[in-house]
PDB file of all heavy atoms in Angstrom:
ATOM      1  N   ALA A   1       5.492  29.337  67.718  1.00  0.00           N
ATOM      2  CA  ALA A   1       5.205  28.109  68.463  1.00  0.00           C
ATOM      3  C   ALA A   1       4.017  28.318  69.390  1.00  0.00           C
ATOM      4  O   ALA A   1       3.168  27.429  69.563  1.00  0.00           O
ATOM      5  CB  ALA A   1       6.440  27.687  69.266  1.00  0.00           C
ATOM      6  N   HIS A   2       3.908  29.511  69.980  1.00  0.00           N
ATOM      7  CA  HIS A   2       2.787  29.810  70.879  1.00  0.00           C
ATOM      8  C   HIS A   2       1.466  29.825  70.125  1.00  0.00           C
ATOM      9  O   HIS A   2       0.431  29.388  70.660  1.00  0.00           O
ATOM     10  CB  HIS A   2       3.024  31.161  71.567  1.00  0.00           C
ATOM     11  CG  HIS A   2       2.017  31.495  72.617  1.00  0.00           C
ATOM     12  ND1 HIS A   2       1.969  30.875  73.841  1.00  0.00           N
ATOM     13  CD2 HIS A   2       0.986  32.386  72.616  1.00  0.00           C
ATOM     14  CE1 HIS A   2       0.973  31.366  74.555  1.00  0.00           C
ATOM     15  NE2 HIS A   2       0.353  32.289  73.834  1.00  0.00           N
ATOM     16  N   PHE A   3       1.475  30.318  68.904  1.00  0.00           N
ATOM     17  CA  PHE A   3       0.247  30.344  68.105  1.00  0.00           C
ATOM     18  C   PHE A   3      -0.291  28.940  67.837  1.00  0.00           C
ATOM     19  O   PHE A   3      -1.499  28.768  67.611  1.00  0.00           O
ATOM     20  CB  PHE A   3       0.488  31.070  66.776  1.00  0.00           C
ATOM     21  CG  PHE A   3       0.462  32.562  66.881  1.00  0.00           C
ATOM     22  CD1 PHE A   3       1.481  33.329  66.319  1.00  0.00           C
ATOM     23  CD2 PHE A   3      -0.580  33.213  67.531  1.00  0.00           C
ATOM     24  CE1 PHE A   3       1.464  34.709  66.399  1.00  0.00           C
ATOM     25  CE2 PHE A   3      -0.606  34.601  67.619  1.00  0.00           C
ATOM     26  CZ  PHE A   3       0.417  35.344  67.057  1.00  0.00           C
ATOM     27  N   GLU A   4       0.573  27.939  67.869  1.00  0.00           N
ATOM     28  CA  GLU A   4       0.122  26.560  67.651  1.00  0.00           C
ATOM     29  C   GLU A   4      -0.783  26.080  68.779  1.00  0.00           C
ATOM     30  O   GLU A   4      -1.495  25.089  68.617  1.00  0.00           O
ATOM     31  CB  GLU A   4       1.339  25.645  67.501  1.00  0.00           C
ATOM     32  CG  GLU A   4       2.142  25.904  66.222  1.00  0.00           C
ATOM     33  CD  GLU A   4       3.354  25.011  66.095  1.00  0.00           C
ATOM     34  OE1 GLU A   4       3.541  24.136  66.977  1.00  0.00           O
ATOM     35  OE2 GLU A   4       4.122  25.183  65.133  1.00  0.00           O
ATOM     36  N   THR A   5      -0.781  26.787  69.903  1.00  0.00           N
ATOM     37  CA  THR A   5      -1.678  26.452  71.023  1.00  0.00           C
ATOM     38  C   THR A   5      -3.010  27.179  70.900  1.00  0.00           C
ATOM     39  O   THR A   5      -3.847  27.091  71.798  1.00  0.00           O
ATOM     40  CB  THR A   5      -1.027  26.824  72.363  1.00  0.00           C
ATOM     41  OG1 THR A   5      -0.909  28.256  72.471  1.00  0.00           O
ATOM     42  CG2 THR A   5       0.351  26.193  72.500  1.00  0.00           C
ATOM     43  N   ASP A   6      -3.188  27.947  69.796  1.00  0.00           N
ATOM     44  CA  ASP A   6      -4.411  28.740  69.563  1.00  0.00           C
ATOM     45  C   ASP A   6      -4.610  29.810  70.623  1.00  0.00           C
ATOM     46  O   ASP A   6      -5.754  30.174  70.946  1.00  0.00           O
ATOM     47  CB  ASP A   6      -5.654  27.824  69.505  1.00  0.00           C
ATOM     48  CG  ASP A   6      -5.657  26.956  68.266  1.00  0.00           C
ATOM     49  OD1 ASP A   6      -5.159  27.411  67.221  1.00  0.00           O
ATOM     50  OD2 ASP A   6      -6.138  25.806  68.350  1.00  0.00           O
ATOM     51  N   GLN A   7      -3.526  30.323  71.155  1.00  0.00           N
ATOM     52  CA  GLN A   7      -3.594  31.380  72.157  1.00  0.00           C
ATOM     53  C   GLN A   7      -2.977  32.665  71.606  1.00  0.00           C
ATOM     54  O   GLN A   7      -1.980  32.622  70.879  1.00  0.00           O
ATOM     55  CB  GLN A   7      -2.850  30.967  73.424  1.00  0.00           C
ATOM     56  CG  GLN A   7      -3.505  29.830  74.198  1.00  0.00           C
ATOM     57  CD  GLN A   7      -4.863  30.237  74.747  1.00  0.00           C
ATOM     58  OE1 GLN A   7      -5.022  31.320  75.319  1.00  0.00           O
ATOM     59  NE2 GLN A   7      -5.845  29.363  74.578  1.00  0.00           N
ATOM     60  N   PRO A   8      -3.538  33.835  71.961  1.00  0.00           N
ATOM     61  CA  PRO A   8      -2.955  35.115  71.501  1.00  0.00           C
ATOM     62  C   PRO A   8      -1.631  35.389  72.210  1.00  0.00           C
ATOM     63  O   PRO A   8      -1.340  34.817  73.271  1.00  0.00           O
ATOM     64  CB  PRO A   8      -4.016  36.135  71.911  1.00  0.00           C
ATOM     65  CG  PRO A   8      -4.707  35.518  73.093  1.00  0.00           C
ATOM     66  CD  PRO A   8      -4.736  34.042  72.797  1.00  0.00           C
ATOM     67  N   LEU A   9      -0.863  36.286  71.647  1.00  0.00           N
ATOM     68  CA  LEU A   9       0.460  36.573  72.206  1.00  0.00           C
ATOM     69  C   LEU A   9       0.410  37.273  73.553  1.00  0.00           C
ATOM     70  O   LEU A   9       1.409  37.276  74.283  1.00  0.00           O
ATOM     71  CB  LEU A   9       1.274  37.419  71.215  1.00  0.00           C
ATOM     72  CG  LEU A   9       1.669  36.709  69.915  1.00  0.00           C
ATOM     73  CD1 LEU A   9       2.473  37.643  69.010  1.00  0.00           C
ATOM     74  CD2 LEU A   9       2.470  35.442  70.203  1.00  0.00           C
ATOM     75  N   ARG A  10      -0.737  37.860  73.904  1.00  0.00           N
ATOM     76  CA  ARG A  10      -0.805  38.496  75.217  1.00  0.00           C
ATOM     77  C   ARG A  10      -0.721  37.475  76.354  1.00  0.00           C
ATOM     78  O   ARG A  10      -0.507  37.855  77.508  1.00  0.00           O
ATOM     79  CB  ARG A  10      -2.065  39.362  75.333  1.00  0.00           C
ATOM     80  CG  ARG A  10      -3.381  38.639  75.450  1.00  0.00           C
ATOM     81  CD  ARG A  10      -4.534  39.623  75.559  1.00  0.00           C
ATOM     82  NE  ARG A  10      -4.670  40.395  74.335  1.00  0.00           N
ATOM     83  CZ  ARG A  10      -5.408  40.015  73.289  1.00  0.00           C
ATOM     84  NH1 ARG A  10      -6.072  38.868  73.338  1.00  0.00           N
ATOM     85  NH2 ARG A  10      -5.485  40.752  72.214  1.00  0.00           N
ATOM     86  N   THR A  11      -0.892  36.190  76.019  1.00  0.00           N
ATOM     87  CA  THR A  11      -0.754  35.136  77.041  1.00  0.00           C
ATOM     88  C   THR A  11       0.639  34.527  77.034  1.00  0.00           C
ATOM     89  O   THR A  11       0.901  33.571  77.769  1.00  0.00           O
ATOM     90  CB  THR A  11      -1.799  34.025  76.822  1.00  0.00           C
ATOM     91  OG1 THR A  11      -1.559  33.386  75.547  1.00  0.00           O
ATOM     92  CG2 THR A  11      -3.210  34.578  76.843  1.00  0.00           C
ATOM     93  N   LEU A  12       1.555  35.068  76.216  1.00  0.00           N
ATOM     94  CA  LEU A  12       2.928  34.588  76.148  1.00  0.00           C
ATOM     95  C   LEU A  12       3.837  35.548  76.914  1.00  0.00           C
ATOM     96  O   LEU A  12       3.831  36.748  76.654  1.00  0.00           O
ATOM     97  CB  LEU A  12       3.401  34.475  74.694  1.00  0.00           C
ATOM     98  CG  LEU A  12       4.878  34.139  74.469  1.00  0.00           C
ATOM     99  CD1 LEU A  12       5.207  32.754  75.018  1.00  0.00           C
ATOM    100  CD2 LEU A  12       5.237  34.234  72.980  1.00  0.00           C
ATOM    101  N   ASP A  13       4.631  35.026  77.832  1.00  0.00           N
ATOM    102  CA  ASP A  13       5.530  35.854  78.628  1.00  0.00           C
ATOM    103  C   ASP A  13       6.932  35.794  78.033  1.00  0.00           C
ATOM    104  O   ASP A  13       7.694  34.871  78.293  1.00  0.00           O
ATOM    105  CB  ASP A  13       5.547  35.356  80.080  1.00  0.00           C
ATOM    106  CG  ASP A  13       6.325  36.280  80.998  1.00  0.00           C
ATOM    107  OD1 ASP A  13       6.568  37.436  80.586  1.00  0.00           O
ATOM    108  OD2 ASP A  13       6.693  35.859  82.117  1.00  0.00           O
ATOM    109  N   LEU A  14       7.255  36.768  77.212  1.00  0.00           N
ATOM    110  CA  LEU A  14       8.578  36.848  76.589  1.00  0.00           C
ATOM    111  C   LEU A  14       9.534  37.637  77.476  1.00  0.00           C
ATOM    112  O   LEU A  14       9.117  38.594  78.151  1.00  0.00           O
ATOM    113  CB  LEU A  14       8.490  37.547  75.230  1.00  0.00           C
ATOM    114  CG  LEU A  14       7.991  36.770  74.011  1.00  0.00           C
ATOM    115  CD1 LEU A  14       7.937  37.703  72.805  1.00  0.00           C
ATOM    116  CD2 LEU A  14       8.874  35.569  73.710  1.00  0.00           C
ATOM    117  N   PRO A  15      10.820  37.279  77.495  1.00  0.00           N
ATOM    118  CA  PRO A  15      11.809  38.123  78.167  1.00  0.00           C
ATOM    119  C   PRO A  15      11.762  39.538  77.598  1.00  0.00           C
ATOM    120  O   PRO A  15      11.452  39.732  76.409  1.00  0.00           O
ATOM    121  CB  PRO A  15      13.140  37.433  77.844  1.00  0.00           C
ATOM    122  CG  PRO A  15      12.781  36.012  77.577  1.00  0.00           C
ATOM    123  CD  PRO A  15      11.436  36.058  76.922  1.00  0.00           C
ATOM    124  N   GLU A  16      12.070  40.510  78.426  1.00  0.00           N
ATOM    125  CA  GLU A  16      11.930  41.923  78.029  1.00  0.00           C
ATOM    126  C   GLU A  16      12.699  42.233  76.747  1.00  0.00           C
ATOM    127  O   GLU A  16      12.194  42.926  75.861  1.00  0.00           O
ATOM    128  CB  GLU A  16      12.411  42.829  79.158  1.00  0.00           C
ATOM    129  CG  GLU A  16      12.215  44.313  78.868  1.00  0.00           C
ATOM    130  CD  GLU A  16      12.642  45.204  80.019  1.00  0.00           C
ATOM    131  OE1 GLU A  16      12.946  44.661  81.103  1.00  0.00           O
ATOM    132  OE2 GLU A  16      12.659  46.430  79.838  1.00  0.00           O
ATOM    133  N   ALA A  17      13.924  41.707  76.632  1.00  0.00           N
ATOM    134  CA  ALA A  17      14.739  42.001  75.463  1.00  0.00           C
ATOM    135  C   ALA A  17      14.116  41.444  74.190  1.00  0.00           C
ATOM    136  O   ALA A  17      14.129  42.086  73.132  1.00  0.00           O
ATOM    137  CB  ALA A  17      16.147  41.441  75.647  1.00  0.00           C
ATOM    138  N   GLU A  18      13.541  40.245  74.279  1.00  0.00           N
ATOM    139  CA  GLU A  18      12.916  39.638  73.108  1.00  0.00           C
ATOM    140  C   GLU A  18      11.649  40.385  72.725  1.00  0.00           C
ATOM    141  O   GLU A  18      11.374  40.608  71.543  1.00  0.00           O
ATOM    142  CB  GLU A  18      12.617  38.161  73.371  1.00  0.00           C
ATOM    143  CG  GLU A  18      13.880  37.295  73.475  1.00  0.00           C
ATOM    144  CD  GLU A  18      13.554  35.823  73.646  1.00  0.00           C
ATOM    145  OE1 GLU A  18      12.352  35.462  73.653  1.00  0.00           O
ATOM    146  OE2 GLU A  18      14.498  35.020  73.751  1.00  0.00           O
ATOM    147  N   ALA A  19      10.849  40.764  73.722  1.00  0.00           N
ATOM    148  CA  ALA A  19       9.633  41.529  73.446  1.00  0.00           C
ATOM    149  C   ALA A  19       9.978  42.852  72.769  1.00  0.00           C
ATOM    150  O   ALA A  19       9.304  43.288  71.831  1.00  0.00           O
ATOM    151  CB  ALA A  19       8.870  41.768  74.735  1.00  0.00           C
ATOM    152  N   LYS A  20      11.042  43.492  73.238  1.00  0.00           N
ATOM    153  CA  LYS A  20      11.451  44.774  72.663  1.00  0.00           C
ATOM    154  C   LYS A  20      11.899  44.608  71.220  1.00  0.00           C
ATOM    155  O   LYS A  20      11.665  45.480  70.379  1.00  0.00           O
ATOM    156  CB  LYS A  20      12.584  45.382  73.505  1.00  0.00           C
ATOM    157  CG  LYS A  20      12.940  46.801  73.114  1.00  0.00           C
ATOM    158  CD  LYS A  20      13.978  47.385  74.072  1.00  0.00           C
ATOM    159  CE  LYS A  20      14.313  48.833  73.691  1.00  0.00           C
ATOM    160  NZ  LYS A  20      15.319  49.415  74.617  1.00  0.00           N
ATOM    161  N   SER A  21      12.516  43.453  70.910  1.00  0.00           N
ATOM    162  CA  SER A  21      12.999  43.221  69.542  1.00  0.00           C
ATOM    163  C   SER A  21      11.851  43.108  68.545  1.00  0.00           C
ATOM    164  O   SER A  21      12.056  43.251  67.341  1.00  0.00           O
ATOM    165  CB  SER A  21      13.853  41.953  69.496  1.00  0.00           C
ATOM    166  OG  SER A  21      13.054  40.787  69.601  1.00  0.00           O
ATOM    167  N   LEU A  22      10.633  42.857  69.052  1.00  0.00           N
ATOM    168  CA  LEU A  22       9.459  42.714  68.177  1.00  0.00           C
ATOM    169  C   LEU A  22       8.542  43.926  68.217  1.00  0.00           C
ATOM    170  O   LEU A  22       7.499  43.931  67.564  1.00  0.00           O
ATOM    171  CB  LEU A  22       8.657  41.467  68.586  1.00  0.00           C
ATOM    172  CG  LEU A  22       9.401  40.120  68.536  1.00  0.00           C
ATOM    173  CD1 LEU A  22       8.468  39.008  69.032  1.00  0.00           C
ATOM    174  CD2 LEU A  22       9.902  39.814  67.143  1.00  0.00           C
ATOM    175  N   SER A  23       8.908  44.946  68.984  1.00  0.00           N
ATOM    176  CA  SER A  23       7.999  46.069  69.222  1.00  0.00           C
ATOM    177  C   SER A  23       7.615  46.810  67.934  1.00  0.00           C
ATOM    178  O   SER A  23       6.504  47.346  67.838  1.00  0.00           O
ATOM    179  CB  SER A  23       8.626  47.057  70.214  1.00  0.00           C
ATOM    180  OG  SER A  23       9.854  47.549  69.708  1.00  0.00           O
ATOM    181  N   SER A  24       8.499  46.805  66.949  1.00  0.00           N
ATOM    182  CA  SER A  24       8.208  47.545  65.724  1.00  0.00           C
ATOM    183  C   SER A  24       7.139  46.879  64.861  1.00  0.00           C
ATOM    184  O   SER A  24       6.587  47.496  63.956  1.00  0.00           O
ATOM    185  CB  SER A  24       9.486  47.712  64.893  1.00  0.00           C
ATOM    186  OG  SER A  24       9.992  46.457  64.486  1.00  0.00           O
ATOM    187  N   PHE A  25       6.808  45.607  65.143  1.00  0.00           N
ATOM    188  CA  PHE A  25       5.820  44.881  64.348  1.00  0.00           C
ATOM    189  C   PHE A  25       4.382  45.247  64.718  1.00  0.00           C
ATOM    190  O   PHE A  25       3.459  44.944  63.971  1.00  0.00           O
ATOM    191  CB  PHE A  25       6.018  43.373  64.480  1.00  0.00           C
ATOM    192  CG  PHE A  25       7.321  42.866  63.950  1.00  0.00           C
ATOM    193  CD1 PHE A  25       8.100  42.008  64.696  1.00  0.00           C
ATOM    194  CD2 PHE A  25       7.785  43.261  62.708  1.00  0.00           C
ATOM    195  CE1 PHE A  25       9.323  41.536  64.222  1.00  0.00           C
ATOM    196  CE2 PHE A  25       9.000  42.803  62.214  1.00  0.00           C
ATOM    197  CZ  PHE A  25       9.768  41.949  62.969  1.00  0.00           C
ATOM    198  N   GLY A  26       4.175  45.856  65.887  1.00  0.00           N
ATOM    199  CA  GLY A  26       2.815  46.202  66.307  1.00  0.00           C
ATOM    200  C   GLY A  26       1.911  44.995  66.404  1.00  0.00           C
ATOM    201  O   GLY A  26       0.739  45.046  65.990  1.00  0.00           O
ATOM    202  N   LEU A  27       2.407  43.898  66.960  1.00  0.00           N
ATOM    203  CA  LEU A  27       1.646  42.645  67.000  1.00  0.00           C
ATOM    204  C   LEU A  27       0.324  42.839  67.745  1.00  0.00           C
ATOM    205  O   LEU A  27       0.296  43.192  68.926  1.00  0.00           O
ATOM    206  CB  LEU A  27       2.489  41.550  67.655  1.00  0.00           C
ATOM    207  CG  LEU A  27       3.772  41.206  66.885  1.00  0.00           C
ATOM    208  CD1 LEU A  27       4.658  40.288  67.703  1.00  0.00           C
ATOM    209  CD2 LEU A  27       3.437  40.588  65.525  1.00  0.00           C
ATOM    210  N   MET A  28      -0.763  42.578  67.046  1.00  0.00           N
ATOM    211  CA  MET A  28      -2.085  42.924  67.572  1.00  0.00           C
ATOM    212  C   MET A  28      -2.559  41.996  68.676  1.00  0.00           C
ATOM    213  O   MET A  28      -3.197  42.427  69.642  1.00  0.00           O
ATOM    214  CB  MET A  28      -3.096  42.952  66.423  1.00  0.00           C
ATOM    215  CG  MET A  28      -2.802  44.066  65.438  1.00  0.00           C
ATOM    216  SD  MET A  28      -3.934  44.058  64.022  1.00  0.00           S
ATOM    217  CE  MET A  28      -3.336  42.617  63.131  1.00  0.00           C
ATOM    218  N   SER A  29      -2.261  40.698  68.556  1.00  0.00           N
ATOM    219  CA  SER A  29      -2.736  39.767  69.574  1.00  0.00           C
ATOM    220  C   SER A  29      -1.923  39.860  70.852  1.00  0.00           C
ATOM    221  O   SER A  29      -2.235  39.213  71.848  1.00  0.00           O
ATOM    222  CB  SER A  29      -2.727  38.339  69.043  1.00  0.00           C
ATOM    223  OG  SER A  29      -1.408  37.854  68.892  1.00  0.00           O
ATOM    224  N   ALA A  30      -0.845  40.683  70.826  1.00  0.00           N
ATOM    225  CA  ALA A  30      -0.055  40.908  72.038  1.00  0.00           C
ATOM    226  C   ALA A  30      -0.560  42.112  72.823  1.00  0.00           C
ATOM    227  O   ALA A  30      -0.181  42.315  73.980  1.00  0.00           O
ATOM    228  CB  ALA A  30       1.408  41.105  71.673  1.00  0.00           C
ATOM    229  N   LYS A  31      -1.412  42.917  72.208  1.00  0.00           N
ATOM    230  CA  LYS A  31      -1.871  44.141  72.864  1.00  0.00           C
ATOM    231  C   LYS A  31      -2.851  43.809  73.995  1.00  0.00           C
ATOM    232  O   LYS A  31      -3.676  42.904  73.863  1.00  0.00           O
ATOM    233  CB  LYS A  31      -2.545  45.066  71.844  1.00  0.00           C
ATOM    234  CG  LYS A  31      -1.614  45.532  70.725  1.00  0.00           C
ATOM    235  CD  LYS A  31      -2.337  46.447  69.756  1.00  0.00           C
ATOM    236  CE  LYS A  31      -1.460  46.775  68.546  1.00  0.00           C
ATOM    237  NZ  LYS A  31      -0.259  47.539  68.909  1.00  0.00           N
ATOM    238  N   PRO A  32      -2.781  44.544  75.114  1.00  0.00           N
ATOM    239  CA  PRO A  32      -3.757  44.335  76.184  1.00  0.00           C
ATOM    240  C   PRO A  32      -5.163  44.626  75.677  1.00  0.00           C
ATOM    241  O   PRO A  32      -5.346  45.469  74.792  1.00  0.00           O
ATOM    242  CB  PRO A  32      -3.329  45.331  77.272  1.00  0.00           C
ATOM    243  CG  PRO A  32      -2.508  46.351  76.539  1.00  0.00           C
ATOM    244  CD  PRO A  32      -1.844  45.638  75.414  1.00  0.00           C
ATOM    245  N   ILE A  33      -6.149  43.912  76.221  1.00  0.00           N
ATOM    246  CA  ILE A  33      -7.517  44.032  75.707  1.00  0.00           C
ATOM    247  C   ILE A  33      -8.523  44.211  76.833  1.00  0.00           C
ATOM    248  O   ILE A  33      -8.360  43.657  77.932  1.00  0.00           O
ATOM    249  CB  ILE A  33      -7.867  42.802  74.834  1.00  0.00           C
ATOM    250  CG1 ILE A  33      -9.181  43.028  74.073  1.00  0.00           C
ATOM    251  CG2 ILE A  33      -7.923  41.533  75.670  1.00  0.00           C
ATOM    252  CD1 ILE A  33      -9.411  41.996  72.959  1.00  0.00           C
ATOM    253  N   LEU A  34      -9.526  45.019  76.569  1.00  0.00           N
ATOM    254  CA  LEU A  34     -10.676  45.214  77.468  1.00  0.00           C
ATOM    255  C   LEU A  34     -11.922  44.873  76.677  1.00  0.00           C
ATOM    256  O   LEU A  34     -12.072  45.304  75.533  1.00  0.00           O
ATOM    257  CB  LEU A  34     -10.738  46.683  77.926  1.00  0.00           C
ATOM    258  CG  LEU A  34     -12.015  47.121  78.642  1.00  0.00           C
ATOM    259  CD1 LEU A  34     -12.122  46.484  80.027  1.00  0.00           C
ATOM    260  CD2 LEU A  34     -12.063  48.655  78.761  1.00  0.00           C
ATOM    261  N   PHE A  35     -12.824  44.091  77.279  1.00  0.00           N
ATOM    262  CA  PHE A  35     -14.077  43.745  76.623  1.00  0.00           C
ATOM    263  C   PHE A  35     -15.209  44.601  77.174  1.00  0.00           C
ATOM    264  O   PHE A  35     -15.361  44.740  78.395  1.00  0.00           O
ATOM    265  CB  PHE A  35     -14.404  42.261  76.822  1.00  0.00           C
ATOM    266  CG  PHE A  35     -13.437  41.342  76.123  1.00  0.00           C
ATOM    267  CD1 PHE A  35     -12.438  40.702  76.827  1.00  0.00           C
ATOM    268  CD2 PHE A  35     -13.515  41.138  74.759  1.00  0.00           C
ATOM    269  CE1 PHE A  35     -11.532  39.866  76.197  1.00  0.00           C
ATOM    270  CE2 PHE A  35     -12.614  40.313  74.107  1.00  0.00           C
ATOM    271  CZ  PHE A  35     -11.622  39.673  74.830  1.00  0.00           C
ATOM    272  N   VAL A  36     -15.988  45.194  76.271  1.00  0.00           N
ATOM    273  CA  VAL A  36     -17.169  45.966  76.647  1.00  0.00           C
ATOM    274  C   VAL A  36     -18.392  45.205  76.174  1.00  0.00           C
ATOM    275  O   VAL A  36     -18.595  45.031  74.960  1.00  0.00           O
ATOM    276  CB  VAL A  36     -17.129  47.374  76.012  1.00  0.00           C
ATOM    277  CG1 VAL A  36     -18.440  48.115  76.315  1.00  0.00           C
ATOM    278  CG2 VAL A  36     -15.950  48.163  76.549  1.00  0.00           C
ATOM    279  N   ALA A  37     -19.177  44.735  77.115  1.00  0.00           N
ATOM    280  CA  ALA A  37     -20.406  44.008  76.788  1.00  0.00           C
ATOM    281  C   ALA A  37     -21.518  45.024  76.572  1.00  0.00           C
ATOM    282  O   ALA A  37     -21.933  45.707  77.517  1.00  0.00           O
ATOM    283  CB  ALA A  37     -20.757  43.045  77.917  1.00  0.00           C
ATOM    284  N   ASN A  38     -21.981  45.139  75.341  1.00  0.00           N
ATOM    285  CA  ASN A  38     -23.075  46.061  75.021  1.00  0.00           C
ATOM    286  C   ASN A  38     -24.392  45.344  75.303  1.00  0.00           C
ATOM    287  O   ASN A  38     -24.795  44.439  74.569  1.00  0.00           O
ATOM    288  CB  ASN A  38     -22.987  46.488  73.560  1.00  0.00           C
ATOM    289  CG  ASN A  38     -23.963  47.600  73.224  1.00  0.00           C
ATOM    290  OD1 ASN A  38     -24.610  48.157  74.116  1.00  0.00           O
ATOM    291  ND2 ASN A  38     -24.066  47.940  71.954  1.00  0.00           N
ATOM    292  N   VAL A  39     -25.065  45.755  76.387  1.00  0.00           N
ATOM    293  CA  VAL A  39     -26.224  45.024  76.893  1.00  0.00           C
ATOM    294  C   VAL A  39     -27.526  45.751  76.579  1.00  0.00           C
ATOM    295  O   VAL A  39     -27.533  46.904  76.157  1.00  0.00           O
ATOM    296  CB  VAL A  39     -26.103  44.811  78.420  1.00  0.00           C
ATOM    297  CG1 VAL A  39     -24.869  43.989  78.754  1.00  0.00           C
ATOM    298  CG2 VAL A  39     -26.061  46.147  79.171  1.00  0.00           C
TER     299      VAL A  39
END
């Protein structure tokens, strides 16, 4: 349902138990991200 908003999962706040239930999937859009601007 969150993906229908065109937002990555890192912007979705799941309860800890639910997040843990999905940990084995390695969901990529849920991973924290750092941007490096190559200037």
